[in-house]
């Protein structure tokens, strides 16, 4: 919750408005993005609302607090013996205005009660939604204004359009040059703040970072496995290592022991700050989720993107947006075992990465300013 104070002529301090963030629970990208925006609002208290608000290893900043929301999925006895199972769960009739609105789910009733109570107690309030059509429309029905985060993907369906229409402002954490689609009213309602990542503050380094232990290998590749589900699995890594014996692979995001263990693979496991490993490598391989793409751009790395299946083809569209850049290759998941990887990777080494225009220096500040400008206008 961000409390902004303004002074009237008498010098008396008057509380004007509060801001909260709804954070979607799939993967870690929504939370990481929210924390960067919250950091730009460090002078205020910030409340995050969500169902998977896992603290980073360094913890949340002192000015950030959280309100936990129950998951919105039906519970069975085998999932949580202490919780009341949803005996009467039904999908219900399809509703064109919603993406997800099942019947008889206690988690949905509980989280809606928490949200509406919060809206009532904390008014005047602006809610930033990253992302949920249903939460956006619930807030609007409660008379709470919203700012909605834009994502890549085919999102011209009725629920998205209703959410975009009900919002006071749309914010895109990427530049207009990465936009794919018609320049319609949704486009013109959007502030394209530009790209940013948690690695923006890191000074770009050269790739002359190899140790003597790396001399037998002609190149180093970092493989980043995100938290939202990936087709980059141990079998793929083993196949890649076998076909590219002269390349050393650092695997970030999971810890697996292959038998036999390839001599050119190191499983790094979870790394809170993998920037050092990525900077020391010639190429980054990862899915085309928002954070991975922005991190590749921030660190100016050659990039092989594997777009995973996501709702509304989000990763496929983002892959399309960067596919023509120098130093970028896109490989579809179903083709990953058919590619001549040695040829692809050695060919990529001959190109210089070109991410110009993706990362914008003041993007986070532009997003914070867009949010507070809306609230100031509404609650003046």
Foldseek 3Di string as FASTA:
>chain_A
DFWDWDADPVRDIDTFEAEAEEFEAFFCVRVQLVLLLVVLVVVGAYEYEYAHNDAFPVGRPPRYYYDHAFDQDFDDCVPDVPDDGQPPWDQDDDDQQAPGDTPRHVSVVRRLVVVLVCPVVRPVYEYEYNDGLVVLVSCVVSVHAYEYEDFAFQQPGNSSVVSLVRHQAYEYQWAPLLDDDDCDPSVVRYDDLFHDAPCLVPDADALPPDDPVLVQAPFEEEEEETRNDDLPDPVLVVLLCVLRVRYAYEYEAADDCDVVRRPRYDDPHHDSDCLVVRSNGQEYEYAQDRRVVRSCLSNQHQYEHEHDDDPRSRRVSSCVSCPPWQSYHYDYSVCSNVDSVNVVVVVSSVTGGDNPRRHDPCSSVVVSVVRVVVSVVVRD
